[in-house]
Amino acid sequence: NFGIGTTSPLAPLHVWKNGSGDVEIARFTDSTVDGNPYITIGNTNGAGDGGAIIYNQTSDYLRLAVHGNAAPLGLNIANGGNVGIGTTSPWGQLSVNPNGITGPAFVVGSSTATNFIVTNGGNVGIGRSAPAARLEVLLPIDGVTAGLRLSQSNVPTTRYWDQVWSNNGGTTALQSQVF
């Protein structure tokens, strides 16, 4: 093991610096103004296994990529703090570009219980894993729980309209309640 700043290295390369707050420990640069210095993490078989941390000097963003992928399919952090997944130009605090992926663009939940999903085609599902329309909401059929609420007030108990589904004798009906 090789130690810099320590006489007791705990890994093949162990760098230690005494200090508090933000302390620069290492600096990696290249000799060109428009180069993209990077650090590769992985094995030595040459098959592109592993990952990389890449800094793009021209566009001023940091990319975390898997398998040394030079395309912008990884996680990209722009200079202003915006984060992009699948894009090197995030236009919001979190920007997801689903181009080139096979799964959904954004999911909350798990593969067995999807609470919220945005598909590659832009469809949004709440309680649905494969929404067939721009907005599809899986409503409870209990006659009590509101599946959809439109409000006109910040007070949740005033000025709202609910849609409640009920199953009366095998017939499903939609009930509107205006308060």
N, C-alpha and C. Protein backbone atom coordinates (compact mmCIF):
# COMPACT_ATOMS: atom_id res chain seq x y z
N ASN A 1 0.84 -1.20 0.00
CA ASN A 1 0.00 0.00 0.00
C ASN A 1 0.87 1.25 0.00
N PHE A 2 0.39 2.29 -0.65
CA PHE A 2 1.14 3.53 -0.78
C PHE A 2 0.33 4.65 -0.13
N GLY A 3 0.97 5.39 0.76
CA GLY A 3 0.28 6.45 1.47
C GLY A 3 0.85 7.82 1.15
N ILE A 4 -0.03 8.79 0.94
CA ILE A 4 0.35 10.19 0.80
C ILE A 4 -0.29 10.92 1.96
N GLY A 5 0.53 11.48 2.84
CA GLY A 5 0.01 12.17 4.01
C GLY A 5 -0.30 11.24 5.17
N THR A 6 -0.04 9.96 4.99
CA THR A 6 -0.27 8.99 6.06
C THR A 6 0.82 7.93 6.04
N THR A 7 1.18 7.47 7.20
CA THR A 7 2.16 6.39 7.30
C THR A 7 1.48 5.04 7.49
N SER A 8 0.13 5.04 7.53
CA SER A 8 -0.63 3.79 7.70
C SER A 8 -1.70 3.68 6.61
N PRO A 9 -1.30 3.51 5.34
CA PRO A 9 -2.29 3.42 4.26
C PRO A 9 -3.17 2.18 4.41
N LEU A 10 -4.48 2.37 4.16
CA LEU A 10 -5.45 1.28 4.29
C LEU A 10 -5.89 0.71 2.94
N ALA A 11 -5.33 1.21 1.85
CA ALA A 11 -5.67 0.76 0.50
C ALA A 11 -4.43 0.87 -0.37
N PRO A 12 -4.45 0.33 -1.60
CA PRO A 12 -3.29 0.45 -2.46
C PRO A 12 -2.84 1.90 -2.65
N LEU A 13 -3.78 2.86 -2.70
CA LEU A 13 -3.44 4.28 -2.70
C LEU A 13 -4.33 4.95 -1.66
N HIS A 14 -3.73 5.55 -0.66
CA HIS A 14 -4.47 6.21 0.42
C HIS A 14 -3.92 7.63 0.54
N VAL A 15 -4.80 8.62 0.26
CA VAL A 15 -4.41 10.02 0.35
C VAL A 15 -5.14 10.63 1.54
N TRP A 16 -4.39 11.31 2.41
CA TRP A 16 -4.98 11.92 3.60
C TRP A 16 -4.42 13.32 3.74
N LYS A 17 -5.31 14.28 4.09
CA LYS A 17 -4.87 15.64 4.33
C LYS A 17 -5.61 16.16 5.55
N ASN A 18 -4.88 16.74 6.46
CA ASN A 18 -5.47 17.31 7.66
C ASN A 18 -6.11 18.65 7.31
N GLY A 19 -7.29 18.89 7.78
CA GLY A 19 -7.96 20.16 7.53
C GLY A 19 -9.43 20.06 7.87
N SER A 20 -10.10 21.19 7.83
CA SER A 20 -11.54 21.21 8.08
C SER A 20 -12.23 21.98 6.96
N GLY A 21 -13.52 21.76 6.81
CA GLY A 21 -14.25 22.41 5.73
C GLY A 21 -13.93 21.76 4.40
N ASP A 22 -14.03 22.52 3.32
CA ASP A 22 -13.71 22.01 1.99
C ASP A 22 -12.20 21.95 1.82
N VAL A 23 -11.67 20.75 1.67
CA VAL A 23 -10.23 20.54 1.53
C VAL A 23 -9.98 19.78 0.23
N GLU A 24 -9.25 20.40 -0.69
CA GLU A 24 -8.91 19.72 -1.93
C GLU A 24 -7.85 18.67 -1.64
N ILE A 25 -8.13 17.43 -2.05
CA ILE A 25 -7.20 16.34 -1.78
C ILE A 25 -6.41 15.98 -3.03
N ALA A 26 -7.03 16.06 -4.18
CA ALA A 26 -6.34 15.71 -5.42
C ALA A 26 -6.88 16.57 -6.55
N ARG A 27 -6.08 16.74 -7.60
CA ARG A 27 -6.50 17.50 -8.77
C ARG A 27 -6.02 16.75 -10.00
N PHE A 28 -6.96 16.54 -10.94
CA PHE A 28 -6.65 15.86 -12.19
C PHE A 28 -6.94 16.85 -13.32
N THR A 29 -5.98 17.12 -14.17
CA THR A 29 -6.17 18.05 -15.28
C THR A 29 -5.55 17.46 -16.54
N ASP A 30 -5.95 18.00 -17.67
CA ASP A 30 -5.24 17.66 -18.90
C ASP A 30 -4.65 18.94 -19.48
N SER A 31 -3.84 18.81 -20.50
CA SER A 31 -3.08 19.96 -20.99
C SER A 31 -3.82 20.78 -22.03
N THR A 32 -5.03 20.38 -22.42
CA THR A 32 -5.75 21.12 -23.45
C THR A 32 -6.91 21.90 -22.83
N VAL A 33 -7.29 23.00 -23.47
CA VAL A 33 -8.37 23.83 -22.98
C VAL A 33 -9.72 23.15 -23.16
N ASP A 34 -9.89 22.40 -24.25
CA ASP A 34 -11.17 21.79 -24.54
C ASP A 34 -11.20 20.29 -24.30
N GLY A 35 -10.26 19.78 -23.53
CA GLY A 35 -10.22 18.34 -23.24
C GLY A 35 -11.27 17.95 -22.21
N ASN A 36 -11.46 16.68 -22.03
CA ASN A 36 -12.40 16.14 -21.07
C ASN A 36 -11.67 15.18 -20.14
N PRO A 37 -11.03 15.67 -19.09
CA PRO A 37 -10.33 14.76 -18.19
C PRO A 37 -11.31 13.83 -17.48
N TYR A 38 -10.89 12.59 -17.26
CA TYR A 38 -11.77 11.65 -16.59
C TYR A 38 -10.98 10.65 -15.78
N ILE A 39 -11.70 10.04 -14.85
CA ILE A 39 -11.16 8.97 -14.02
C ILE A 39 -11.99 7.73 -14.32
N THR A 40 -11.34 6.62 -14.64
CA THR A 40 -12.05 5.38 -14.92
C THR A 40 -11.94 4.47 -13.71
N ILE A 41 -13.05 3.84 -13.37
CA ILE A 41 -13.09 2.90 -12.26
C ILE A 41 -13.59 1.58 -12.81
N GLY A 42 -12.83 0.50 -12.65
CA GLY A 42 -13.28 -0.78 -13.18
C GLY A 42 -12.17 -1.79 -13.23
N ASN A 43 -12.39 -2.84 -14.02
CA ASN A 43 -11.40 -3.90 -14.09
C ASN A 43 -10.45 -3.68 -15.26
N THR A 44 -9.53 -4.59 -15.43
CA THR A 44 -8.47 -4.41 -16.42
C THR A 44 -8.66 -5.26 -17.67
N ASN A 45 -9.86 -5.81 -17.90
CA ASN A 45 -10.01 -6.72 -19.03
C ASN A 45 -10.17 -6.00 -20.36
N GLY A 46 -10.29 -4.67 -20.35
CA GLY A 46 -10.36 -3.91 -21.59
C GLY A 46 -11.71 -3.97 -22.29
N ALA A 47 -12.71 -4.56 -21.65
CA ALA A 47 -14.02 -4.72 -22.29
C ALA A 47 -14.93 -3.52 -22.01
N GLY A 48 -14.42 -2.50 -21.38
CA GLY A 48 -15.24 -1.33 -21.08
C GLY A 48 -16.06 -1.47 -19.82
N ASP A 49 -15.78 -2.51 -19.02
CA ASP A 49 -16.51 -2.67 -17.77
C ASP A 49 -16.09 -1.60 -16.77
N GLY A 50 -17.00 -1.22 -15.93
CA GLY A 50 -16.71 -0.23 -14.91
C GLY A 50 -17.44 1.07 -15.20
N GLY A 51 -16.91 2.15 -14.70
CA GLY A 51 -17.55 3.45 -14.87
C GLY A 51 -16.52 4.54 -14.96
N ALA A 52 -17.00 5.78 -15.12
CA ALA A 52 -16.09 6.90 -15.26
C ALA A 52 -16.71 8.16 -14.67
N ILE A 53 -15.86 9.03 -14.20
CA ILE A 53 -16.23 10.38 -13.79
C ILE A 53 -15.55 11.29 -14.79
N ILE A 54 -16.35 12.02 -15.57
CA ILE A 54 -15.84 12.81 -16.69
C ILE A 54 -16.21 14.27 -16.49
N TYR A 55 -15.25 15.17 -16.69
CA TYR A 55 -15.55 16.61 -16.65
C TYR A 55 -15.43 17.16 -18.06
N ASN A 56 -16.50 17.77 -18.56
CA ASN A 56 -16.49 18.37 -19.88
C ASN A 56 -16.18 19.85 -19.72
N GLN A 57 -14.98 20.26 -20.10
CA GLN A 57 -14.55 21.65 -19.91
C GLN A 57 -15.30 22.62 -20.82
N THR A 58 -15.63 22.20 -22.05
CA THR A 58 -16.29 23.08 -23.00
C THR A 58 -17.70 23.45 -22.53
N SER A 59 -18.49 22.46 -22.12
CA SER A 59 -19.87 22.69 -21.70
C SER A 59 -20.01 22.87 -20.20
N ASP A 60 -18.94 22.66 -19.44
CA ASP A 60 -18.89 22.87 -17.99
C ASP A 60 -19.92 22.02 -17.24
N TYR A 61 -19.82 20.69 -17.40
CA TYR A 61 -20.65 19.79 -16.62
C TYR A 61 -19.83 18.57 -16.22
N LEU A 62 -20.29 17.89 -15.19
CA LEU A 62 -19.67 16.68 -14.69
C LEU A 62 -20.59 15.51 -14.99
N ARG A 63 -20.05 14.43 -15.54
CA ARG A 63 -20.84 13.26 -15.92
C ARG A 63 -20.36 12.05 -15.14
N LEU A 64 -21.33 11.28 -14.66
CA LEU A 64 -21.05 9.96 -14.10
C LEU A 64 -21.59 8.96 -15.11
N ALA A 65 -20.72 8.15 -15.68
CA ALA A 65 -21.12 7.24 -16.74
C ALA A 65 -20.77 5.80 -16.36
N VAL A 66 -21.56 4.86 -16.86
CA VAL A 66 -21.34 3.45 -16.61
C VAL A 66 -20.72 2.83 -17.86
N HIS A 67 -19.82 1.90 -17.66
CA HIS A 67 -19.12 1.21 -18.76
C HIS A 67 -18.35 2.17 -19.64
N GLY A 68 -17.84 3.26 -19.08
CA GLY A 68 -17.03 4.20 -19.84
C GLY A 68 -17.78 4.86 -20.96
N ASN A 69 -19.10 4.92 -20.87
CA ASN A 69 -19.95 5.44 -21.94
C ASN A 69 -19.67 6.91 -22.18
N ALA A 70 -19.23 7.25 -23.38
CA ALA A 70 -18.95 8.64 -23.72
C ALA A 70 -20.21 9.39 -24.12
N ALA A 71 -21.30 8.68 -24.45
CA ALA A 71 -22.57 9.33 -24.79
C ALA A 71 -23.20 9.90 -23.52
N PRO A 72 -24.08 10.90 -23.66
CA PRO A 72 -24.64 11.56 -22.47
C PRO A 72 -25.76 10.77 -21.80
N LEU A 73 -25.60 9.46 -21.63
CA LEU A 73 -26.64 8.65 -21.03
C LEU A 73 -26.51 8.53 -19.53
N GLY A 74 -25.47 9.07 -18.96
CA GLY A 74 -25.29 8.97 -17.53
C GLY A 74 -25.97 10.10 -16.79
N LEU A 75 -25.50 10.34 -15.59
CA LEU A 75 -25.98 11.41 -14.74
C LEU A 75 -25.06 12.60 -14.95
N ASN A 76 -25.64 13.75 -15.33
CA ASN A 76 -24.85 14.94 -15.64
C ASN A 76 -25.22 16.06 -14.69
N ILE A 77 -24.22 16.71 -14.12
CA ILE A 77 -24.44 17.83 -13.22
C ILE A 77 -23.88 19.08 -13.88
N ALA A 78 -24.76 20.03 -14.17
CA ALA A 78 -24.36 21.26 -14.85
C ALA A 78 -23.79 22.26 -13.85
N ASN A 79 -23.09 23.26 -14.36
CA ASN A 79 -22.45 24.28 -13.54
C ASN A 79 -23.43 24.96 -12.59
N GLY A 80 -24.66 25.24 -13.03
CA GLY A 80 -25.64 25.92 -12.19
C GLY A 80 -26.31 25.03 -11.16
N GLY A 81 -25.99 23.74 -11.16
CA GLY A 81 -26.56 22.82 -10.19
C GLY A 81 -27.68 21.96 -10.74
N ASN A 82 -28.15 22.23 -11.98
CA ASN A 82 -29.19 21.38 -12.56
C ASN A 82 -28.63 20.00 -12.84
N VAL A 83 -29.49 18.98 -12.68
CA VAL A 83 -29.09 17.59 -12.87
C VAL A 83 -29.84 17.03 -14.07
N GLY A 84 -29.10 16.39 -14.96
CA GLY A 84 -29.71 15.78 -16.14
C GLY A 84 -29.43 14.29 -16.18
N ILE A 85 -30.46 13.53 -16.53
CA ILE A 85 -30.31 12.10 -16.76
C ILE A 85 -30.60 11.89 -18.23
N GLY A 86 -29.61 11.45 -18.98
CA GLY A 86 -29.77 11.27 -20.42
C GLY A 86 -29.63 12.55 -21.20
N THR A 87 -29.17 13.62 -20.58
CA THR A 87 -28.95 14.89 -21.27
C THR A 87 -27.77 15.61 -20.65
N THR A 88 -27.01 16.30 -21.47
CA THR A 88 -25.90 17.11 -20.96
C THR A 88 -26.32 18.56 -20.80
N SER A 89 -27.56 18.88 -21.13
CA SER A 89 -28.08 20.25 -21.02
C SER A 89 -29.38 20.26 -20.21
N PRO A 90 -29.30 19.96 -18.91
CA PRO A 90 -30.53 19.94 -18.12
C PRO A 90 -31.16 21.33 -18.05
N TRP A 91 -32.45 21.45 -18.39
CA TRP A 91 -33.14 22.73 -18.47
C TRP A 91 -33.94 23.02 -17.21
N GLY A 92 -33.98 22.09 -16.26
CA GLY A 92 -34.64 22.29 -14.97
C GLY A 92 -33.76 21.71 -13.89
N GLN A 93 -34.18 21.85 -12.64
CA GLN A 93 -33.38 21.30 -11.55
C GLN A 93 -33.16 19.81 -11.73
N LEU A 94 -34.16 19.09 -12.27
CA LEU A 94 -34.01 17.68 -12.64
C LEU A 94 -34.63 17.50 -14.02
N SER A 95 -33.82 17.15 -14.99
CA SER A 95 -34.28 16.94 -16.37
C SER A 95 -33.99 15.50 -16.76
N VAL A 96 -35.02 14.80 -17.24
CA VAL A 96 -34.87 13.42 -17.66
C VAL A 96 -35.20 13.34 -19.15
N ASN A 97 -34.25 12.86 -19.93
CA ASN A 97 -34.46 12.67 -21.37
C ASN A 97 -34.49 11.17 -21.62
N PRO A 98 -35.68 10.61 -21.92
CA PRO A 98 -35.79 9.16 -22.05
C PRO A 98 -35.33 8.60 -23.39
N ASN A 99 -34.83 9.43 -24.30
CA ASN A 99 -34.40 8.93 -25.61
C ASN A 99 -33.34 7.86 -25.44
N GLY A 100 -33.52 6.77 -26.11
CA GLY A 100 -32.52 5.71 -26.10
C GLY A 100 -32.67 4.71 -24.96
N ILE A 101 -33.67 4.87 -24.10
CA ILE A 101 -33.85 3.89 -23.03
C ILE A 101 -35.08 3.05 -23.33
N THR A 102 -35.15 1.87 -22.75
CA THR A 102 -36.27 0.98 -23.00
C THR A 102 -37.32 1.04 -21.91
N GLY A 103 -37.00 1.50 -20.74
CA GLY A 103 -37.95 1.56 -19.63
C GLY A 103 -38.63 2.91 -19.56
N PRO A 104 -39.42 3.14 -18.50
CA PRO A 104 -40.10 4.42 -18.35
C PRO A 104 -39.12 5.55 -18.06
N ALA A 105 -39.56 6.79 -18.31
CA ALA A 105 -38.71 7.94 -18.09
C ALA A 105 -38.56 8.26 -16.61
N PHE A 106 -39.65 8.06 -15.83
CA PHE A 106 -39.62 8.42 -14.41
C PHE A 106 -40.63 7.55 -13.68
N VAL A 107 -40.26 7.00 -12.52
CA VAL A 107 -41.14 6.13 -11.77
C VAL A 107 -41.00 6.41 -10.28
N VAL A 108 -42.14 6.40 -9.57
CA VAL A 108 -42.16 6.39 -8.12
C VAL A 108 -42.87 5.11 -7.74
N GLY A 109 -42.22 4.26 -6.99
CA GLY A 109 -42.78 2.97 -6.62
C GLY A 109 -41.79 1.87 -6.94
N SER A 110 -42.31 0.68 -7.20
CA SER A 110 -41.46 -0.46 -7.52
C SER A 110 -42.00 -1.14 -8.77
N SER A 111 -41.34 -2.20 -9.18
CA SER A 111 -41.80 -2.91 -10.37
C SER A 111 -43.10 -3.66 -10.12
N THR A 112 -43.49 -3.84 -8.86
CA THR A 112 -44.73 -4.55 -8.54
C THR A 112 -45.83 -3.62 -8.03
N ALA A 113 -45.51 -2.41 -7.63
CA ALA A 113 -46.51 -1.46 -7.12
C ALA A 113 -46.13 -0.05 -7.57
N THR A 114 -46.60 0.33 -8.74
CA THR A 114 -46.25 1.63 -9.31
C THR A 114 -47.24 2.69 -8.81
N ASN A 115 -46.73 3.69 -8.09
CA ASN A 115 -47.58 4.78 -7.60
C ASN A 115 -47.71 5.89 -8.63
N PHE A 116 -46.62 6.18 -9.34
CA PHE A 116 -46.60 7.29 -10.28
C PHE A 116 -45.58 6.96 -11.36
N ILE A 117 -45.95 7.17 -12.63
CA ILE A 117 -45.03 6.85 -13.72
C ILE A 117 -45.21 7.86 -14.86
N VAL A 118 -44.11 8.19 -15.51
CA VAL A 118 -44.13 8.96 -16.75
C VAL A 118 -43.45 8.08 -17.79
N THR A 119 -44.18 7.74 -18.86
CA THR A 119 -43.61 6.85 -19.88
C THR A 119 -42.74 7.64 -20.85
N ASN A 120 -41.99 6.91 -21.68
CA ASN A 120 -41.18 7.57 -22.71
C ASN A 120 -42.03 8.40 -23.66
N GLY A 121 -43.26 7.99 -23.88
CA GLY A 121 -44.16 8.72 -24.77
C GLY A 121 -44.84 9.90 -24.12
N GLY A 122 -44.61 10.12 -22.82
CA GLY A 122 -45.19 11.27 -22.13
C GLY A 122 -46.48 10.99 -21.38
N ASN A 123 -46.98 9.75 -21.42
CA ASN A 123 -48.18 9.42 -20.66
C ASN A 123 -47.86 9.36 -19.17
N VAL A 124 -48.82 9.80 -18.35
CA VAL A 124 -48.66 9.83 -16.90
C VAL A 124 -49.66 8.87 -16.28
N GLY A 125 -49.19 8.02 -15.41
CA GLY A 125 -50.06 7.07 -14.72
C GLY A 125 -49.95 7.24 -13.23
N ILE A 126 -51.08 7.27 -12.56
CA ILE A 126 -51.13 7.28 -11.10
C ILE A 126 -51.83 6.00 -10.70
N GLY A 127 -51.08 5.09 -10.08
CA GLY A 127 -51.61 3.78 -9.75
C GLY A 127 -51.63 2.83 -10.93
N ARG A 128 -51.13 3.23 -12.08
CA ARG A 128 -51.08 2.42 -13.30
C ARG A 128 -49.64 2.31 -13.76
N SER A 129 -49.20 1.11 -14.10
CA SER A 129 -47.83 0.93 -14.56
C SER A 129 -47.67 1.15 -16.06
N ALA A 130 -48.78 1.10 -16.81
CA ALA A 130 -48.72 1.29 -18.26
C ALA A 130 -49.91 2.16 -18.70
N PRO A 131 -49.86 3.47 -18.43
CA PRO A 131 -50.99 4.32 -18.80
C PRO A 131 -51.20 4.35 -20.30
N ALA A 132 -52.49 4.26 -20.72
CA ALA A 132 -52.84 4.23 -22.14
C ALA A 132 -53.29 5.59 -22.65
N ALA A 133 -53.31 6.61 -21.79
CA ALA A 133 -53.72 7.96 -22.18
C ALA A 133 -52.75 8.96 -21.57
N ARG A 134 -52.87 10.22 -21.96
CA ARG A 134 -51.97 11.26 -21.42
C ARG A 134 -51.99 11.28 -19.90
N LEU A 135 -53.17 11.06 -19.28
CA LEU A 135 -53.29 10.95 -17.83
C LEU A 135 -54.25 9.82 -17.54
N GLU A 136 -53.77 8.80 -16.83
CA GLU A 136 -54.62 7.70 -16.42
C GLU A 136 -54.45 7.49 -14.92
N VAL A 137 -55.60 7.53 -14.22
CA VAL A 137 -55.60 7.40 -12.76
C VAL A 137 -56.40 6.17 -12.40
N LEU A 138 -55.82 5.27 -11.62
CA LEU A 138 -56.53 4.10 -11.13
C LEU A 138 -57.30 4.54 -9.89
N LEU A 139 -58.63 4.55 -10.01
CA LEU A 139 -59.47 5.02 -8.92
C LEU A 139 -59.95 3.85 -8.08
N PRO A 140 -60.05 4.05 -6.76
CA PRO A 140 -60.61 2.99 -5.92
C PRO A 140 -62.11 2.84 -6.20
N ILE A 141 -62.61 1.61 -6.12
CA ILE A 141 -64.04 1.35 -6.36
C ILE A 141 -64.66 0.93 -5.04
N ASP A 142 -64.70 1.84 -4.07
CA ASP A 142 -65.26 1.51 -2.78
C ASP A 142 -66.46 2.38 -2.41
N GLY A 143 -66.80 3.37 -3.23
CA GLY A 143 -67.93 4.22 -2.95
C GLY A 143 -67.68 5.25 -1.86
N VAL A 144 -66.48 5.27 -1.31
CA VAL A 144 -66.17 6.18 -0.20
C VAL A 144 -64.96 7.05 -0.52
N THR A 145 -63.89 6.43 -1.00
CA THR A 145 -62.63 7.13 -1.23
C THR A 145 -62.69 7.94 -2.51
N ALA A 146 -62.35 9.21 -2.42
CA ALA A 146 -62.30 10.05 -3.62
C ALA A 146 -61.08 9.67 -4.44
N GLY A 147 -61.31 9.35 -5.70
CA GLY A 147 -60.21 9.01 -6.59
C GLY A 147 -59.67 10.21 -7.32
N LEU A 148 -60.49 11.26 -7.40
CA LEU A 148 -60.09 12.47 -8.09
C LEU A 148 -60.69 13.66 -7.36
N ARG A 149 -59.90 14.66 -7.04
CA ARG A 149 -60.39 15.86 -6.37
C ARG A 149 -59.85 17.08 -7.10
N LEU A 150 -60.74 17.99 -7.43
CA LEU A 150 -60.38 19.29 -7.98
C LEU A 150 -60.74 20.33 -6.93
N SER A 151 -59.79 21.15 -6.52
CA SER A 151 -60.01 22.13 -5.46
C SER A 151 -59.90 23.54 -5.98
N GLN A 152 -60.63 24.46 -5.31
CA GLN A 152 -60.53 25.89 -5.61
C GLN A 152 -60.00 26.66 -4.42
N SER A 153 -59.51 25.97 -3.42
CA SER A 153 -59.10 26.62 -2.18
C SER A 153 -57.90 25.89 -1.61
N ASN A 154 -57.09 26.60 -0.83
CA ASN A 154 -55.97 25.97 -0.12
C ASN A 154 -56.46 25.19 1.09
N VAL A 155 -57.69 25.40 1.51
CA VAL A 155 -58.27 24.67 2.63
C VAL A 155 -58.91 23.40 2.07
N PRO A 156 -58.39 22.21 2.42
CA PRO A 156 -58.83 20.99 1.76
C PRO A 156 -60.28 20.60 2.03
N THR A 157 -60.96 21.24 2.97
CA THR A 157 -62.34 20.86 3.29
C THR A 157 -63.37 21.82 2.70
N THR A 158 -62.94 22.81 1.93
CA THR A 158 -63.89 23.74 1.34
C THR A 158 -63.66 23.85 -0.16
N ARG A 159 -64.73 24.06 -0.90
CA ARG A 159 -64.71 24.35 -2.32
C ARG A 159 -63.95 23.29 -3.13
N TYR A 160 -64.47 22.09 -3.15
CA TYR A 160 -63.85 21.05 -3.95
C TYR A 160 -64.91 20.19 -4.61
N TRP A 161 -64.49 19.42 -5.60
CA TRP A 161 -65.34 18.51 -6.35
C TRP A 161 -64.65 17.16 -6.36
N ASP A 162 -65.35 16.11 -5.94
CA ASP A 162 -64.79 14.77 -5.89
C ASP A 162 -65.47 13.87 -6.91
N GLN A 163 -64.72 12.91 -7.39
CA GLN A 163 -65.28 11.81 -8.18
C GLN A 163 -65.07 10.55 -7.35
N VAL A 164 -66.15 9.87 -7.02
CA VAL A 164 -66.10 8.64 -6.23
C VAL A 164 -66.74 7.52 -7.03
N TRP A 165 -66.04 6.41 -7.16
CA TRP A 165 -66.57 5.24 -7.88
C TRP A 165 -67.19 4.30 -6.86
N SER A 166 -68.34 3.74 -7.20
CA SER A 166 -68.96 2.76 -6.32
C SER A 166 -69.44 1.58 -7.15
N ASN A 167 -69.53 0.45 -6.51
CA ASN A 167 -69.98 -0.76 -7.17
C ASN A 167 -71.26 -1.20 -6.48
N ASN A 168 -72.40 -0.90 -7.11
CA ASN A 168 -73.70 -1.22 -6.53
C ASN A 168 -74.27 -2.44 -7.23
N GLY A 169 -74.23 -3.59 -6.55
CA GLY A 169 -74.81 -4.79 -7.12
C GLY A 169 -74.16 -5.23 -8.41
N GLY A 170 -72.85 -5.04 -8.55
CA GLY A 170 -72.14 -5.44 -9.74
C GLY A 170 -72.10 -4.37 -10.83
N THR A 171 -72.80 -3.24 -10.62
CA THR A 171 -72.78 -2.15 -11.59
C THR A 171 -71.91 -1.04 -11.05
N THR A 172 -70.92 -0.62 -11.81
CA THR A 172 -70.03 0.44 -11.37
C THR A 172 -70.63 1.78 -11.80
N ALA A 173 -70.73 2.71 -10.85
CA ALA A 173 -71.32 4.02 -11.13
C ALA A 173 -70.36 5.11 -10.68
N LEU A 174 -70.47 6.25 -11.32
CA LEU A 174 -69.66 7.41 -10.97
C LEU A 174 -70.56 8.40 -10.24
N GLN A 175 -70.13 8.82 -9.07
CA GLN A 175 -70.88 9.76 -8.27
C GLN A 175 -70.11 11.07 -8.18
N SER A 176 -70.77 12.19 -8.42
CA SER A 176 -70.15 13.50 -8.26
C SER A 176 -70.62 14.11 -6.96
N GLN A 177 -69.73 14.65 -6.19
CA GLN A 177 -70.07 15.31 -4.94
C GLN A 177 -69.50 16.71 -4.96
N VAL A 178 -70.38 17.68 -4.84
CA VAL A 178 -69.94 19.07 -4.82
C VAL A 178 -70.24 19.64 -3.44
N PHE A 179 -69.24 20.23 -2.82
CA PHE A 179 -69.42 20.78 -1.47
C PHE A 179 -69.13 22.27 -1.48
